[in-house]
Amino acid sequence: MAVYKSQVLILKCQDWSETSQVVHLLAREAGRLRSLAKGSRRGLNPFSGPLDRWVLGEAVFSVADPDRLATLMELYETERFEGLRRHLPAFYGASYATELVMALVPDLDPQPAAFDLVVRTFRLLAQVEPEACRAVTFAFAWRLLALLGYMAEGGRCVECQAPVAADQPANYSAGLGGPLCANCRPEGRTHHLTAKTAQAMAFLASAEWDEVPRVRLSQTTANQMRSVLAARVAELAGKELSASRYV
C-alpha cells in the first residue's frame, strides 16, 4: 500500500453514505484519483469537512489498488476559491475546467504542471471581472491540451509541417489537433477559423497570464473557439462536456 502526502485540489464530491463521501482529487504528487473520505460528514472528522469541491489543501491518502478507491485519511484546507461562486462566468469557467481535467488527465499519473495550471486558473477566475472569465477559461483549455500532448506545434500545418500564418484564416483539424495549410486536404472534422479567431487562439495559448484577463472575445470568435475545443475534446474523451456550452 502506497501512502502519499500531497497538495490536493478537490474536483468533485459525492455522498457515499450518511457519514462518508467519495472525493475526486487532483493531487500534485500522484495525479487524479477517486478516494473515500470515511466519516467526512460527521461533526468531528479528520478533514475540513464535510468536504466540498474547489478547495485546495494538504492531504494524506493511501492507494492499495489502482482499480479501487483510494482512502483519504487527512485533509487540511489551505485555500477556498470563494470567488468561483460569486458570479456565473467564474462558476461556468471552473465547471468547464473541472470537466476537462476529469475527462483528460489520466488516473494516478503525476502531472505537477497541470496541477499548478488548474490552481492558477481557479485563482484568476475567482478574482477577475466577469467579462474576463471566458478568455481565462479558453486559455486554460488550450494550455492543458498542450501540456498533455494533445496539441500540435503552433504555426505549422499538422499534415505537412508547412508554416501557417497566425494572422490568416485557417482550417483547424479536430482529429489532429492543429491547423491545416491551404494545400493539405482536411481529414475528419475540420473547422474554418477567421483570422481573428486564429490570432486569439495563438495568443491565449502562449501569452503571459497577466495579459489574458485583458482579452475580450467577440461572440463570433468565442463561438468558433468553443466549437473547436468541443470537437477536439470529443475526439479525445469520446464525449462532449456539459459545461462547454456555457463558457
C-alpha atoms as a PDB file:
ATOM      1  CA  MET A   1       0.000   0.000   0.000  1.00  0.00           C
ATOM      2  CA  ALA A   2       1.412   3.392  -1.043  1.00  0.00           C
ATOM      3  CA  VAL A   3       0.803   6.333   1.286  1.00  0.00           C
ATOM      4  CA  TYR A   4       1.044   9.871  -0.090  1.00  0.00           C
ATOM      5  CA  LYS A   5       1.250  13.284   1.494  1.00  0.00           C
ATOM      6  CA  SER A   6       0.475  15.851  -1.170  1.00  0.00           C
ATOM      7  CA  GLN A   7      -1.104  19.140  -2.015  1.00  0.00           C
ATOM      8  CA  VAL A   8      -4.519  18.381  -3.488  1.00  0.00           C
ATOM      9  CA  LEU A   9      -7.381  20.143  -5.209  1.00  0.00           C
ATOM     10  CA  ILE A  10     -10.874  18.780  -4.649  1.00  0.00           C
ATOM     11  CA  LEU A  11     -12.627  18.493  -8.009  1.00  0.00           C
ATOM     12  CA  LYS A  12     -15.897  16.840  -7.040  1.00  0.00           C
ATOM     13  CA  CYS A  13     -17.644  15.305  -4.027  1.00  0.00           C
ATOM     14  CA  GLN A  14     -20.387  12.697  -3.908  1.00  0.00           C
ATOM     15  CA  ASP A  15     -22.217  11.359  -0.872  1.00  0.00           C
ATOM     16  CA  TRP A  16     -21.287   7.727  -0.263  1.00  0.00           C
ATOM     17  CA  SER A  17     -23.280   7.084   2.877  1.00  0.00           C
ATOM     18  CA  GLU A  18     -24.773   9.026   5.768  1.00  0.00           C
ATOM     19  CA  THR A  19     -21.275   9.672   7.094  1.00  0.00           C
ATOM     20  CA  SER A  20     -18.843   9.375   4.165  1.00  0.00           C
ATOM     21  CA  GLN A  21     -18.082  10.886   0.747  1.00  0.00           C
ATOM     22  CA  VAL A  22     -16.361   9.881  -2.478  1.00  0.00           C
ATOM     23  CA  VAL A  23     -13.926  12.688  -3.263  1.00  0.00           C
ATOM     24  CA  HIS A  24     -12.365  13.239  -6.695  1.00  0.00           C
ATOM     25  CA  LEU A  25      -8.913  14.733  -6.210  1.00  0.00           C
ATOM     26  CA  LEU A  26      -6.148  16.165  -8.339  1.00  0.00           C
ATOM     27  CA  ALA A  27      -3.003  15.550  -6.310  1.00  0.00           C
ATOM     28  CA  ARG A  28       0.224  17.298  -7.227  1.00  0.00           C
ATOM     29  CA  GLU A  29       2.341  14.286  -6.322  1.00  0.00           C
ATOM     30  CA  ALA A  30       0.049  11.490  -7.510  1.00  0.00           C
ATOM     31  CA  GLY A  31      -2.254  12.791 -10.253  1.00  0.00           C
ATOM     32  CA  ARG A  32      -6.002  12.402 -10.473  1.00  0.00           C
ATOM     33  CA  LEU A  33      -7.754   9.858  -8.271  1.00  0.00           C
ATOM     34  CA  ARG A  34     -11.003   8.954  -6.551  1.00  0.00           C
ATOM     35  CA  SER A  35     -10.885   8.490  -2.805  1.00  0.00           C
ATOM     36  CA  LEU A  36     -13.183   7.529   0.042  1.00  0.00           C
ATOM     37  CA  ALA A  37     -13.346  10.014   2.912  1.00  0.00           C
ATOM     38  CA  LYS A  38     -14.759   7.929   5.750  1.00  0.00           C
ATOM     39  CA  GLY A  39     -16.651   9.949   8.310  1.00  0.00           C
ATOM     40  CA  SER A  40     -16.273  13.258   6.474  1.00  0.00           C
ATOM     41  CA  ARG A  41     -19.954  14.103   7.015  1.00  0.00           C
ATOM     42  CA  ARG A  42     -19.747  13.671  10.772  1.00  0.00           C
ATOM     43  CA  GLY A  43     -19.445  16.619  13.112  1.00  0.00           C
ATOM     44  CA  LEU A  44     -15.958  15.608  14.232  1.00  0.00           C
ATOM     45  CA  ASN A  45     -13.676  14.265  11.497  1.00  0.00           C
ATOM     46  CA  PRO A  46     -10.030  14.414  10.318  1.00  0.00           C
ATOM     47  CA  PHE A  47     -10.964  16.710   7.414  1.00  0.00           C
ATOM     48  CA  SER A  48     -12.115  20.260   6.939  1.00  0.00           C
ATOM     49  CA  GLY A  49     -15.439  18.606   6.272  1.00  0.00           C
ATOM     50  CA  PRO A  50     -17.981  17.961   5.106  1.00  0.00           C
ATOM     51  CA  LEU A  51     -15.759  18.277   2.067  1.00  0.00           C
ATOM     52  CA  ASP A  52     -16.678  20.477  -0.878  1.00  0.00           C
ATOM     53  CA  ARG A  53     -15.331  20.932  -4.417  1.00  0.00           C
ATOM     54  CA  TRP A  54     -12.877  23.631  -5.467  1.00  0.00           C
ATOM     55  CA  VAL A  55     -10.899  23.550  -2.246  1.00  0.00           C
ATOM     56  CA  LEU A  56      -7.105  23.416  -2.053  1.00  0.00           C
ATOM     57  CA  GLY A  57      -5.464  21.578   0.813  1.00  0.00           C
ATOM     58  CA  GLU A  58      -2.759  19.315   2.198  1.00  0.00           C
ATOM     59  CA  ALA A  59      -3.832  15.685   2.296  1.00  0.00           C
ATOM     60  CA  VAL A  60      -2.698  12.238   3.349  1.00  0.00           C
ATOM     61  CA  PHE A  61      -4.148   9.312   1.398  1.00  0.00           C
ATOM     62  CA  SER A  62      -3.335   5.698   0.636  1.00  0.00           C
ATOM     63  CA  VAL A  63      -3.631   3.740  -2.598  1.00  0.00           C
ATOM     64  CA  ALA A  64      -3.812  -0.047  -2.241  1.00  0.00           C
ATOM     65  CA  ASP A  65      -5.148  -0.909  -5.701  1.00  0.00           C
ATOM     66  CA  PRO A  66      -5.235   1.473  -8.711  1.00  0.00           C
ATOM     67  CA  ASP A  67      -8.612  -0.007  -9.722  1.00  0.00           C
ATOM     68  CA  ARG A  68     -10.254   0.720  -6.368  1.00  0.00           C
ATOM     69  CA  LEU A  69     -10.981   3.825  -4.361  1.00  0.00           C
ATOM     70  CA  ALA A  70      -8.051   5.329  -2.504  1.00  0.00           C
ATOM     71  CA  THR A  71      -8.520   6.133   1.185  1.00  0.00           C
ATOM     72  CA  LEU A  72      -8.394   9.786   2.172  1.00  0.00           C
ATOM     73  CA  MET A  73      -7.085   9.841   5.735  1.00  0.00           C
ATOM     74  CA  GLU A  74      -6.487  13.533   6.408  1.00  0.00           C
ATOM     75  CA  LEU A  75      -7.117  16.825   4.658  1.00  0.00           C
ATOM     76  CA  TYR A  76      -6.209  20.294   5.908  1.00  0.00           C
ATOM     77  CA  GLU A  77      -7.827  23.067   3.909  1.00  0.00           C
ATOM     78  CA  THR A  78      -5.465  25.868   2.830  1.00  0.00           C
ATOM     79  CA  GLU A  79      -7.468  27.820   0.246  1.00  0.00           C
ATOM     80  CA  ARG A  80     -11.106  28.084  -0.758  1.00  0.00           C
ATOM     81  CA  PHE A  81     -11.845  29.748  -4.073  1.00  0.00           C
ATOM     82  CA  GLU A  82     -14.944  31.603  -2.917  1.00  0.00           C
ATOM     83  CA  GLY A  83     -14.935  33.913  -5.929  1.00  0.00           C
ATOM     84  CA  LEU A  84     -15.862  30.991  -8.180  1.00  0.00           C
ATOM     85  CA  ARG A  85     -19.377  31.098  -6.737  1.00  0.00           C
ATOM     86  CA  ARG A  86     -19.926  34.854  -6.825  1.00  0.00           C
ATOM     87  CA  HIS A  87     -20.899  35.174 -10.485  1.00  0.00           C
ATOM     88  CA  LEU A  88     -21.911  32.768 -13.227  1.00  0.00           C
ATOM     89  CA  PRO A  89     -18.990  33.303 -15.681  1.00  0.00           C
ATOM     90  CA  ALA A  90     -16.486  32.234 -12.996  1.00  0.00           C
ATOM     91  CA  PHE A  91     -18.687  29.319 -11.941  1.00  0.00           C
ATOM     92  CA  TYR A  92     -19.080  28.117 -15.518  1.00  0.00           C
ATOM     93  CA  GLY A  93     -15.364  28.528 -16.182  1.00  0.00           C
ATOM     94  CA  ALA A  94     -14.431  26.472 -13.129  1.00  0.00           C
ATOM     95  CA  SER A  95     -17.038  23.846 -14.033  1.00  0.00           C
ATOM     96  CA  TYR A  96     -15.629  23.509 -17.542  1.00  0.00           C
ATOM     97  CA  ALA A  97     -12.041  23.347 -16.269  1.00  0.00           C
ATOM     98  CA  THR A  98     -13.074  20.630 -13.808  1.00  0.00           C
ATOM     99  CA  GLU A  99     -14.750  18.576 -16.527  1.00  0.00           C
ATOM    100  CA  LEU A 100     -11.669  18.902 -18.743  1.00  0.00           C
ATOM    101  CA  VAL A 101      -9.373  17.639 -16.004  1.00  0.00           C
ATOM    102  CA  MET A 102     -11.641  14.721 -15.143  1.00  0.00           C
ATOM    103  CA  ALA A 103     -12.016  13.760 -18.807  1.00  0.00           C
ATOM    104  CA  LEU A 104      -8.407  14.110 -19.978  1.00  0.00           C
ATOM    105  CA  VAL A 105      -5.936  13.771 -17.081  1.00  0.00           C
ATOM    106  CA  PRO A 106      -5.072  10.072 -16.589  1.00  0.00           C
ATOM    107  CA  ASP A 107      -5.646   8.323 -13.269  1.00  0.00           C
ATOM    108  CA  LEU A 108      -2.667   8.173 -10.898  1.00  0.00           C
ATOM    109  CA  ASP A 109      -0.329   9.850 -13.382  1.00  0.00           C
ATOM    110  CA  PRO A 110       1.560  12.682 -11.627  1.00  0.00           C
ATOM    111  CA  GLN A 111       1.029  15.924 -13.526  1.00  0.00           C
ATOM    112  CA  PRO A 112       2.506  18.706 -11.359  1.00  0.00           C
ATOM    113  CA  ALA A 113       2.469  21.245 -14.204  1.00  0.00           C
ATOM    114  CA  ALA A 114      -1.207  20.520 -14.880  1.00  0.00           C
ATOM    115  CA  PHE A 115      -1.959  20.808 -11.158  1.00  0.00           C
ATOM    116  CA  ASP A 116      -0.260  24.207 -10.994  1.00  0.00           C
ATOM    117  CA  LEU A 117      -2.138  25.315 -14.113  1.00  0.00           C
ATOM    118  CA  VAL A 118      -5.524  24.405 -12.622  1.00  0.00           C
ATOM    119  CA  VAL A 119      -4.766  26.173  -9.336  1.00  0.00           C
ATOM    120  CA  ARG A 120      -3.579  29.310 -11.110  1.00  0.00           C
ATOM    121  CA  THR A 121      -6.663  29.297 -13.327  1.00  0.00           C
ATOM    122  CA  PHE A 122      -9.012  28.953 -10.347  1.00  0.00           C
ATOM    123  CA  ARG A 123      -7.293  31.842  -8.591  1.00  0.00           C
ATOM    124  CA  LEU A 124      -7.683  34.024 -11.670  1.00  0.00           C
ATOM    125  CA  LEU A 125     -11.320  33.077 -12.234  1.00  0.00           C
ATOM    126  CA  ALA A 126     -12.071  33.822  -8.588  1.00  0.00           C
ATOM    127  CA  GLN A 127     -10.779  37.389  -8.779  1.00  0.00           C
ATOM    128  CA  VAL A 128     -11.127  38.756 -12.327  1.00  0.00           C
ATOM    129  CA  GLU A 129     -14.081  40.664 -13.722  1.00  0.00           C
ATOM    130  CA  PRO A 130     -16.891  38.505 -15.146  1.00  0.00           C
ATOM    131  CA  GLU A 131     -16.089  39.734 -18.676  1.00  0.00           C
ATOM    132  CA  ALA A 132     -12.569  38.254 -18.416  1.00  0.00           C
ATOM    133  CA  CYS A 133     -13.596  34.739 -17.373  1.00  0.00           C
ATOM    134  CA  ARG A 134     -14.185  33.460 -20.895  1.00  0.00           C
ATOM    135  CA  ALA A 135     -10.658  34.305 -22.042  1.00  0.00           C
ATOM    136  CA  VAL A 136      -9.153  32.801 -18.865  1.00  0.00           C
ATOM    137  CA  THR A 137     -11.149  29.600 -19.354  1.00  0.00           C
ATOM    138  CA  PHE A 138     -10.170  29.218 -23.016  1.00  0.00           C
ATOM    139  CA  ALA A 139      -6.529  29.957 -22.173  1.00  0.00           C
ATOM    140  CA  PHE A 140      -6.618  27.186 -19.571  1.00  0.00           C
ATOM    141  CA  ALA A 141      -8.125  24.724 -22.046  1.00  0.00           C
ATOM    142  CA  TRP A 142      -5.500  25.306 -24.751  1.00  0.00           C
ATOM    143  CA  ARG A 143      -2.656  25.123 -22.240  1.00  0.00           C
ATOM    144  CA  LEU A 144      -3.937  21.936 -20.622  1.00  0.00           C
ATOM    145  CA  LEU A 145      -4.254  20.255 -24.027  1.00  0.00           C
ATOM    146  CA  ALA A 146      -0.691  21.313 -24.840  1.00  0.00           C
ATOM    147  CA  LEU A 147       0.673  20.049 -21.508  1.00  0.00           C
ATOM    148  CA  LEU A 148      -0.940  16.659 -22.059  1.00  0.00           C
ATOM    149  CA  GLY A 149       0.474  16.411 -25.582  1.00  0.00           C
ATOM    150  CA  TYR A 150      -2.844  16.824 -27.383  1.00  0.00           C
ATOM    151  CA  MET A 151      -1.965  19.969 -29.352  1.00  0.00           C
ATOM    152  CA  ALA A 152       0.289  20.177 -32.404  1.00  0.00           C
ATOM    153  CA  GLU A 153       3.063  22.741 -32.595  1.00  0.00           C
ATOM    154  CA  GLY A 154       1.610  26.157 -33.266  1.00  0.00           C
ATOM    155  CA  GLY A 155       2.250  27.911 -36.563  1.00  0.00           C
ATOM    156  CA  ARG A 156       2.687  24.748 -38.652  1.00  0.00           C
ATOM    157  CA  CYS A 157       0.375  22.561 -40.677  1.00  0.00           C
ATOM    158  CA  VAL A 158      -0.322  19.290 -38.870  1.00  0.00           C
ATOM    159  CA  GLU A 159      -0.098  17.379 -42.173  1.00  0.00           C
ATOM    160  CA  CYS A 160       2.965  18.730 -43.999  1.00  0.00           C
ATOM    161  CA  GLN A 161       4.580  20.973 -41.350  1.00  0.00           C
ATOM    162  CA  ALA A 162       4.484  23.966 -43.682  1.00  0.00           C
ATOM    163  CA  PRO A 163       4.306  27.343 -41.897  1.00  0.00           C
ATOM    164  CA  VAL A 164       0.781  28.594 -41.235  1.00  0.00           C
ATOM    165  CA  ALA A 165       0.417  32.326 -40.623  1.00  0.00           C
ATOM    166  CA  ALA A 166      -1.369  33.082 -37.348  1.00  0.00           C
ATOM    167  CA  ASP A 167      -2.905  36.260 -38.788  1.00  0.00           C
ATOM    168  CA  GLN A 168      -4.697  34.499 -41.655  1.00  0.00           C
ATOM    169  CA  PRO A 169      -7.939  32.469 -41.817  1.00  0.00           C
ATOM    170  CA  ALA A 170      -7.273  28.781 -41.205  1.00  0.00           C
ATOM    171  CA  ASN A 171      -8.800  25.328 -41.210  1.00  0.00           C
ATOM    172  CA  TYR A 172      -8.371  23.521 -37.896  1.00  0.00           C
ATOM    173  CA  SER A 173      -8.376  19.724 -37.671  1.00  0.00           C
ATOM    174  CA  ALA A 174     -10.123  18.468 -34.551  1.00  0.00           C
ATOM    175  CA  GLY A 175      -8.753  14.984 -35.132  1.00  0.00           C
ATOM    176  CA  LEU A 176      -5.114  16.053 -35.428  1.00  0.00           C
ATOM    177  CA  GLY A 177      -5.211  18.968 -33.009  1.00  0.00           C
ATOM    178  CA  GLY A 178      -3.819  21.722 -35.184  1.00  0.00           C
ATOM    179  CA  PRO A 179      -4.185  23.940 -38.270  1.00  0.00           C
ATOM    180  CA  LEU A 180      -4.063  22.782 -41.874  1.00  0.00           C
ATOM    181  CA  CYS A 181      -2.448  24.736 -44.696  1.00  0.00           C
ATOM    182  CA  ALA A 182      -4.293  25.502 -47.920  1.00  0.00           C
ATOM    183  CA  ASN A 183      -2.533  22.668 -49.784  1.00  0.00           C
ATOM    184  CA  CYS A 184      -3.477  19.863 -47.400  1.00  0.00           C
ATOM    185  CA  ARG A 185      -6.744  18.020 -47.652  1.00  0.00           C
ATOM    186  CA  PRO A 186      -8.729  18.217 -44.414  1.00  0.00           C
ATOM    187  CA  GLU A 187      -9.232  14.918 -42.601  1.00  0.00           C
ATOM    188  CA  GLY A 188     -12.079  14.219 -40.208  1.00  0.00           C
ATOM    189  CA  ARG A 189     -13.852  17.090 -38.529  1.00  0.00           C
ATOM    190  CA  THR A 190     -12.414  20.459 -39.538  1.00  0.00           C
ATOM    191  CA  HIS A 191     -13.367  23.983 -38.571  1.00  0.00           C
ATOM    192  CA  HIS A 192     -12.872  27.182 -40.508  1.00  0.00           C
ATOM    193  CA  LEU A 193     -11.421  29.917 -38.313  1.00  0.00           C
ATOM    194  CA  THR A 194     -11.351  33.606 -39.095  1.00  0.00           C
ATOM    195  CA  ALA A 195      -8.043  35.417 -38.815  1.00  0.00           C
ATOM    196  CA  LYS A 196      -9.201  37.000 -35.531  1.00  0.00           C
ATOM    197  CA  THR A 197     -10.022  33.609 -34.031  1.00  0.00           C
ATOM    198  CA  ALA A 198      -6.693  32.119 -35.149  1.00  0.00           C
ATOM    199  CA  GLN A 199      -4.854  35.084 -33.601  1.00  0.00           C
ATOM    200  CA  ALA A 200      -6.849  34.859 -30.380  1.00  0.00           C
ATOM    201  CA  MET A 201      -6.174  31.131 -30.043  1.00  0.00           C
ATOM    202  CA  ALA A 202      -2.426  31.625 -30.537  1.00  0.00           C
ATOM    203  CA  PHE A 203      -2.368  34.483 -28.032  1.00  0.00           C
ATOM    204  CA  LEU A 204      -4.354  32.706 -25.310  1.00  0.00           C
ATOM    205  CA  ALA A 205      -2.211  29.585 -25.669  1.00  0.00           C
ATOM    206  CA  SER A 206       1.099  31.386 -25.104  1.00  0.00           C
ATOM    207  CA  ALA A 207       0.681  34.872 -23.608  1.00  0.00           C
ATOM    208  CA  GLU A 208       1.778  35.786 -20.109  1.00  0.00           C
ATOM    209  CA  TRP A 209      -1.019  35.077 -17.658  1.00  0.00           C
ATOM    210  CA  ASP A 210      -1.207  38.737 -16.623  1.00  0.00           C
ATOM    211  CA  GLU A 211      -2.201  39.607 -20.184  1.00  0.00           C
ATOM    212  CA  VAL A 212      -5.003  37.052 -20.508  1.00  0.00           C
ATOM    213  CA  PRO A 213      -7.672  38.784 -18.353  1.00  0.00           C
ATOM    214  CA  ARG A 214      -7.413  41.861 -20.570  1.00  0.00           C
ATOM    215  CA  VAL A 215      -8.725  39.946 -23.571  1.00  0.00           C
ATOM    216  CA  ARG A 216     -12.345  40.431 -24.585  1.00  0.00           C
ATOM    217  CA  LEU A 217     -13.572  37.955 -27.186  1.00  0.00           C
ATOM    218  CA  SER A 218     -16.291  38.812 -29.675  1.00  0.00           C
ATOM    219  CA  GLN A 219     -19.243  36.440 -29.846  1.00  0.00           C
ATOM    220  CA  THR A 220     -18.117  35.139 -33.251  1.00  0.00           C
ATOM    221  CA  THR A 221     -14.600  34.415 -32.003  1.00  0.00           C
ATOM    222  CA  ALA A 222     -15.892  32.794 -28.811  1.00  0.00           C
ATOM    223  CA  ASN A 223     -18.324  30.591 -30.745  1.00  0.00           C
ATOM    224  CA  GLN A 224     -15.607  29.390 -33.145  1.00  0.00           C
ATOM    225  CA  MET A 225     -13.181  28.716 -30.319  1.00  0.00           C
ATOM    226  CA  ARG A 226     -15.810  26.852 -28.305  1.00  0.00           C
ATOM    227  CA  SER A 227     -16.693  24.716 -31.306  1.00  0.00           C
ATOM    228  CA  VAL A 228     -13.061  23.791 -31.955  1.00  0.00           C
ATOM    229  CA  LEU A 229     -12.461  22.916 -28.315  1.00  0.00           C
ATOM    230  CA  ALA A 230     -15.633  20.841 -28.088  1.00  0.00           C
ATOM    231  CA  ALA A 231     -14.680  18.865 -31.186  1.00  0.00           C
ATOM    232  CA  ARG A 232     -11.099  18.286 -30.039  1.00  0.00           C
ATOM    233  CA  VAL A 233     -12.177  17.147 -26.571  1.00  0.00           C
ATOM    234  CA  ALA A 234     -14.844  14.883 -28.056  1.00  0.00           C
ATOM    235  CA  GLU A 235     -12.144  13.239 -30.201  1.00  0.00           C
ATOM    236  CA  LEU A 236     -10.022  12.616 -27.113  1.00  0.00           C
ATOM    237  CA  ALA A 237     -12.607  11.820 -24.442  1.00  0.00           C
ATOM    238  CA  GLY A 238     -15.319  10.294 -26.582  1.00  0.00           C
ATOM    239  CA  LYS A 239     -17.962  12.653 -25.224  1.00  0.00           C
ATOM    240  CA  GLU A 240     -18.996  16.282 -25.105  1.00  0.00           C
ATOM    241  CA  LEU A 241     -18.596  18.203 -21.877  1.00  0.00           C
ATOM    242  CA  SER A 242     -21.838  19.577 -20.499  1.00  0.00           C
ATOM    243  CA  ALA A 243     -20.335  22.848 -19.224  1.00  0.00           C
ATOM    244  CA  SER A 244     -18.768  23.829 -22.550  1.00  0.00           C
ATOM    245  CA  ARG A 245     -21.981  25.405 -23.875  1.00  0.00           C
ATOM    246  CA  TYR A 246     -21.977  27.945 -21.021  1.00  0.00           C
ATOM    247  CA  VAL A 247     -18.422  29.258 -21.441  1.00  0.00           C
END
